[in-house]
């Protein structure tokens, strides 16, 4: 993975952590599904990182996914958490880690559940970022 992925994930997590209504209903945000966590929680996932460079600079197009997990008897709370995630990220992301966020937007969401597992909601975003020139370059 590139530094772009890490930088954008940190900005995304900061935006989620700053959204108090979301943080008041989830137990945490994790890099992946934790072995033992109380529901509901969010786990990060990373999709493909594609080249988005141009002649004068380095760029990446990133696919970012947030997986929301809940053990409720219905999907009501899961849908509420997913809506709060979308609210938290509606304003986009700040630049960070030497990368400028050029575009950031919602791609899709879906809810899944099997008979033997908790509710899972997947929310996907796309970010296009450009590497900022090093100071003095």
C-alpha atoms as a PDB file:
ATOM      1  CA  UNK A   1       0.000   0.000   0.000  1.00  0.00           C
ATOM      2  CA  UNK A   2       1.057   3.500  -0.621  1.00  0.00           C
ATOM      3  CA  UNK A   3       1.467   6.413   1.728  1.00  0.00           C
ATOM      4  CA  UNK A   4      -1.630   7.852   0.061  1.00  0.00           C
ATOM      5  CA  UNK A   5      -3.818   5.091   1.494  1.00  0.00           C
ATOM      6  CA  UNK A   6      -2.516   5.597   5.016  1.00  0.00           C
ATOM      7  CA  UNK A   7      -2.824   9.378   4.807  1.00  0.00           C
ATOM      8  CA  UNK A   8      -6.385   9.299   3.512  1.00  0.00           C
ATOM      9  CA  UNK A   9      -7.446   6.635   6.023  1.00  0.00           C
ATOM     10  CA  UNK A  10      -6.107   8.791   8.871  1.00  0.00           C
ATOM     11  CA  UNK A  11      -8.089  11.777   7.563  1.00  0.00           C
ATOM     12  CA  UNK A  12     -11.201   9.632   7.206  1.00  0.00           C
ATOM     13  CA  UNK A  13     -10.885   8.289  10.761  1.00  0.00           C
ATOM     14  CA  UNK A  14     -10.332  11.827  12.078  1.00  0.00           C
ATOM     15  CA  UNK A  15     -13.523  12.987  10.343  1.00  0.00           C
ATOM     16  CA  UNK A  16     -15.500  10.098  11.827  1.00  0.00           C
ATOM     17  CA  UNK A  17     -14.050  10.629  15.316  1.00  0.00           C
ATOM     18  CA  UNK A  18     -15.000  14.313  15.154  1.00  0.00           C
ATOM     19  CA  UNK A  19     -18.660  13.492  14.487  1.00  0.00           C
ATOM     20  CA  UNK A  20     -20.130  13.211  17.981  1.00  0.00           C
ATOM     21  CA  UNK A  21     -23.534  11.760  16.987  1.00  0.00           C
ATOM     22  CA  UNK A  22     -21.750   8.834  15.301  1.00  0.00           C
ATOM     23  CA  UNK A  23     -19.262   8.288  18.106  1.00  0.00           C
ATOM     24  CA  UNK A  24     -22.077   8.208  20.660  1.00  0.00           C
ATOM     25  CA  UNK A  25     -23.640   5.103  19.060  1.00  0.00           C
ATOM     26  CA  UNK A  26     -20.623   2.996  18.025  1.00  0.00           C
ATOM     27  CA  UNK A  27     -18.080   1.285  20.251  1.00  0.00           C
ATOM     28  CA  UNK A  28     -15.078   1.998  18.047  1.00  0.00           C
ATOM     29  CA  UNK A  29     -13.373   2.231  14.672  1.00  0.00           C
ATOM     30  CA  UNK A  30     -10.903  -0.555  13.881  1.00  0.00           C
ATOM     31  CA  UNK A  31      -8.420  -1.399  11.101  1.00  0.00           C
ATOM     32  CA  UNK A  32     -10.307  -4.652  10.575  1.00  0.00           C
ATOM     33  CA  UNK A  33     -12.885  -6.742  12.423  1.00  0.00           C
ATOM     34  CA  UNK A  34     -11.557  -7.066  15.985  1.00  0.00           C
ATOM     35  CA  UNK A  35     -11.593 -10.461  17.718  1.00  0.00           C
ATOM     36  CA  UNK A  36     -13.815  -9.215  20.558  1.00  0.00           C
ATOM     37  CA  UNK A  37     -15.686  -5.954  20.291  1.00  0.00           C
ATOM     38  CA  UNK A  38     -19.078  -4.822  21.393  1.00  0.00           C
ATOM     39  CA  UNK A  39     -21.537  -3.993  18.636  1.00  0.00           C
ATOM     40  CA  UNK A  40     -22.039  -1.764  16.736  1.00  0.00           C
ATOM     41  CA  UNK A  41     -18.571  -0.947  15.440  1.00  0.00           C
ATOM     42  CA  UNK A  42     -16.868   0.123  12.209  1.00  0.00           C
ATOM     43  CA  UNK A  43     -14.009  -1.738  10.530  1.00  0.00           C
ATOM     44  CA  UNK A  44     -11.872  -0.163   7.813  1.00  0.00           C
ATOM     45  CA  UNK A  45     -11.193  -1.931   4.546  1.00  0.00           C
ATOM     46  CA  UNK A  46      -9.125  -0.817   1.610  1.00  0.00           C
ATOM     47  CA  UNK A  47      -9.892  -1.547  -2.002  1.00  0.00           C
ATOM     48  CA  UNK A  48      -7.666  -0.989  -4.991  1.00  0.00           C
ATOM     49  CA  UNK A  49      -5.301   1.968  -5.247  1.00  0.00           C
ATOM     50  CA  UNK A  50      -4.995   3.056  -8.864  1.00  0.00           C
ATOM     51  CA  UNK A  51      -2.529   5.362 -10.551  1.00  0.00           C
ATOM     52  CA  UNK A  52      -3.954   8.870 -11.011  1.00  0.00           C
ATOM     53  CA  UNK A  53      -0.688  10.573 -11.858  1.00  0.00           C
ATOM     54  CA  UNK A  54      -0.101  13.185 -14.523  1.00  0.00           C
ATOM     55  CA  UNK A  55       3.016  14.500 -16.246  1.00  0.00           C
ATOM     56  CA  UNK A  56       3.896  16.857 -13.410  1.00  0.00           C
ATOM     57  CA  UNK A  57       2.901  14.869 -10.335  1.00  0.00           C
ATOM     58  CA  UNK A  58       1.980  11.680  -8.552  1.00  0.00           C
ATOM     59  CA  UNK A  59      -1.641  10.849  -7.899  1.00  0.00           C
ATOM     60  CA  UNK A  60      -3.746   7.973  -6.640  1.00  0.00           C
ATOM     61  CA  UNK A  61      -7.379   7.002  -6.955  1.00  0.00           C
ATOM     62  CA  UNK A  62      -8.329   5.131  -3.795  1.00  0.00           C
ATOM     63  CA  UNK A  63     -11.272   2.924  -3.023  1.00  0.00           C
ATOM     64  CA  UNK A  64     -12.092   3.065   0.680  1.00  0.00           C
ATOM     65  CA  UNK A  65     -14.665   0.932   2.427  1.00  0.00           C
ATOM     66  CA  UNK A  66     -16.184   1.117   5.864  1.00  0.00           C
ATOM     67  CA  UNK A  67     -17.820  -2.019   7.177  1.00  0.00           C
ATOM     68  CA  UNK A  68     -20.420  -1.445   9.888  1.00  0.00           C
ATOM     69  CA  UNK A  69     -21.162  -4.445  12.114  1.00  0.00           C
ATOM     70  CA  UNK A  70     -24.211  -4.785  14.353  1.00  0.00           C
ATOM     71  CA  UNK A  71     -25.902  -7.658  16.173  1.00  0.00           C
ATOM     72  CA  UNK A  72     -29.369  -6.112  16.424  1.00  0.00           C
ATOM     73  CA  UNK A  73     -32.521  -8.100  15.815  1.00  0.00           C
ATOM     74  CA  UNK A  74     -33.330  -5.839  12.869  1.00  0.00           C
ATOM     75  CA  UNK A  75     -31.318  -3.609  10.543  1.00  0.00           C
ATOM     76  CA  UNK A  76     -32.769  -0.404  12.042  1.00  0.00           C
ATOM     77  CA  UNK A  77     -29.727   0.538  14.151  1.00  0.00           C
ATOM     78  CA  UNK A  78     -27.339  -0.502  11.354  1.00  0.00           C
ATOM     79  CA  UNK A  79     -29.084   1.854   8.930  1.00  0.00           C
ATOM     80  CA  UNK A  80     -28.922   4.668  11.497  1.00  0.00           C
ATOM     81  CA  UNK A  81     -25.162   4.161  11.968  1.00  0.00           C
ATOM     82  CA  UNK A  82     -24.631   4.071   8.203  1.00  0.00           C
ATOM     83  CA  UNK A  83     -26.545   7.349   7.803  1.00  0.00           C
ATOM     84  CA  UNK A  84     -24.376   8.924  10.512  1.00  0.00           C
ATOM     85  CA  UNK A  85     -21.226   7.791   8.674  1.00  0.00           C
ATOM     86  CA  UNK A  86     -22.499   9.473   5.527  1.00  0.00           C
ATOM     87  CA  UNK A  87     -23.286  12.639   7.526  1.00  0.00           C
ATOM     88  CA  UNK A  88     -19.797  12.645   9.046  1.00  0.00           C
ATOM     89  CA  UNK A  89     -18.149  12.417   5.618  1.00  0.00           C
ATOM     90  CA  UNK A  90     -20.546  14.644   3.665  1.00  0.00           C
ATOM     91  CA  UNK A  91     -18.167  17.615   3.905  1.00  0.00           C
ATOM     92  CA  UNK A  92     -15.278  15.673   2.387  1.00  0.00           C
ATOM     93  CA  UNK A  93     -11.839  15.119   3.853  1.00  0.00           C
ATOM     94  CA  UNK A  94      -9.046  17.439   4.846  1.00  0.00           C
ATOM     95  CA  UNK A  95      -5.632  17.073   3.228  1.00  0.00           C
ATOM     96  CA  UNK A  96      -3.097  15.116   5.212  1.00  0.00           C
ATOM     97  CA  UNK A  97       0.184  13.268   5.202  1.00  0.00           C
ATOM     98  CA  UNK A  98       1.585  15.093   2.208  1.00  0.00           C
ATOM     99  CA  UNK A  99      -1.421  14.369  -0.011  1.00  0.00           C
ATOM    100  CA  UNK A 100      -4.002  16.823  -1.353  1.00  0.00           C
ATOM    101  CA  UNK A 101      -7.544  15.444  -1.541  1.00  0.00           C
ATOM    102  CA  UNK A 102      -8.814  16.563  -4.951  1.00  0.00           C
ATOM    103  CA  UNK A 103     -12.125  14.683  -4.908  1.00  0.00           C
ATOM    104  CA  UNK A 104     -13.840  12.582  -2.287  1.00  0.00           C
ATOM    105  CA  UNK A 105     -17.262  11.082  -2.753  1.00  0.00           C
ATOM    106  CA  UNK A 106     -19.741   8.390  -1.878  1.00  0.00           C
ATOM    107  CA  UNK A 107     -19.852   5.425  -4.272  1.00  0.00           C
ATOM    108  CA  UNK A 108     -22.323   2.924  -2.882  1.00  0.00           C
ATOM    109  CA  UNK A 109     -23.721   1.220   0.191  1.00  0.00           C
ATOM    110  CA  UNK A 110     -25.311  -2.119   0.872  1.00  0.00           C
ATOM    111  CA  UNK A 111     -26.492  -4.261   3.766  1.00  0.00           C
ATOM    112  CA  UNK A 112     -25.754  -7.967   4.078  1.00  0.00           C
ATOM    113  CA  UNK A 113     -26.671 -10.644   6.548  1.00  0.00           C
ATOM    114  CA  UNK A 114     -26.556 -14.400   6.641  1.00  0.00           C
ATOM    115  CA  UNK A 115     -28.611 -16.516   9.010  1.00  0.00           C
ATOM    116  CA  UNK A 116     -25.589 -17.152  11.243  1.00  0.00           C
ATOM    117  CA  UNK A 117     -23.852 -13.766  11.358  1.00  0.00           C
ATOM    118  CA  UNK A 118     -24.564 -10.240  12.537  1.00  0.00           C
ATOM    119  CA  UNK A 119     -25.737  -7.432  10.262  1.00  0.00           C
ATOM    120  CA  UNK A 120     -23.045  -5.973   8.016  1.00  0.00           C
ATOM    121  CA  UNK A 121     -23.279  -2.694   6.171  1.00  0.00           C
ATOM    122  CA  UNK A 122     -20.710  -1.698   3.600  1.00  0.00           C
ATOM    123  CA  UNK A 123     -20.170   1.949   2.633  1.00  0.00           C
ATOM    124  CA  UNK A 124     -17.695   2.702  -0.142  1.00  0.00           C
ATOM    125  CA  UNK A 125     -16.018   5.991  -1.030  1.00  0.00           C
ATOM    126  CA  UNK A 126     -13.628   7.074  -3.759  1.00  0.00           C
ATOM    127  CA  UNK A 127     -10.824   9.554  -3.138  1.00  0.00           C
ATOM    128  CA  UNK A 128      -8.542  11.080  -5.730  1.00  0.00           C
ATOM    129  CA  UNK A 129      -5.390  12.554  -4.264  1.00  0.00           C
ATOM    130  CA  UNK A 130      -2.226  14.264  -5.474  1.00  0.00           C
ATOM    131  CA  UNK A 131       1.087  14.115  -3.694  1.00  0.00           C
ATOM    132  CA  UNK A 132       2.136  17.544  -2.479  1.00  0.00           C
ATOM    133  CA  UNK A 133       5.601  18.642  -3.562  1.00  0.00           C
ATOM    134  CA  UNK A 134       8.264  18.394  -0.893  1.00  0.00           C
ATOM    135  CA  UNK A 135       9.120  21.749   0.699  1.00  0.00           C
ATOM    136  CA  UNK A 136      11.863  23.452  -1.262  1.00  0.00           C
ATOM    137  CA  UNK A 137      11.347  21.219  -4.294  1.00  0.00           C
END
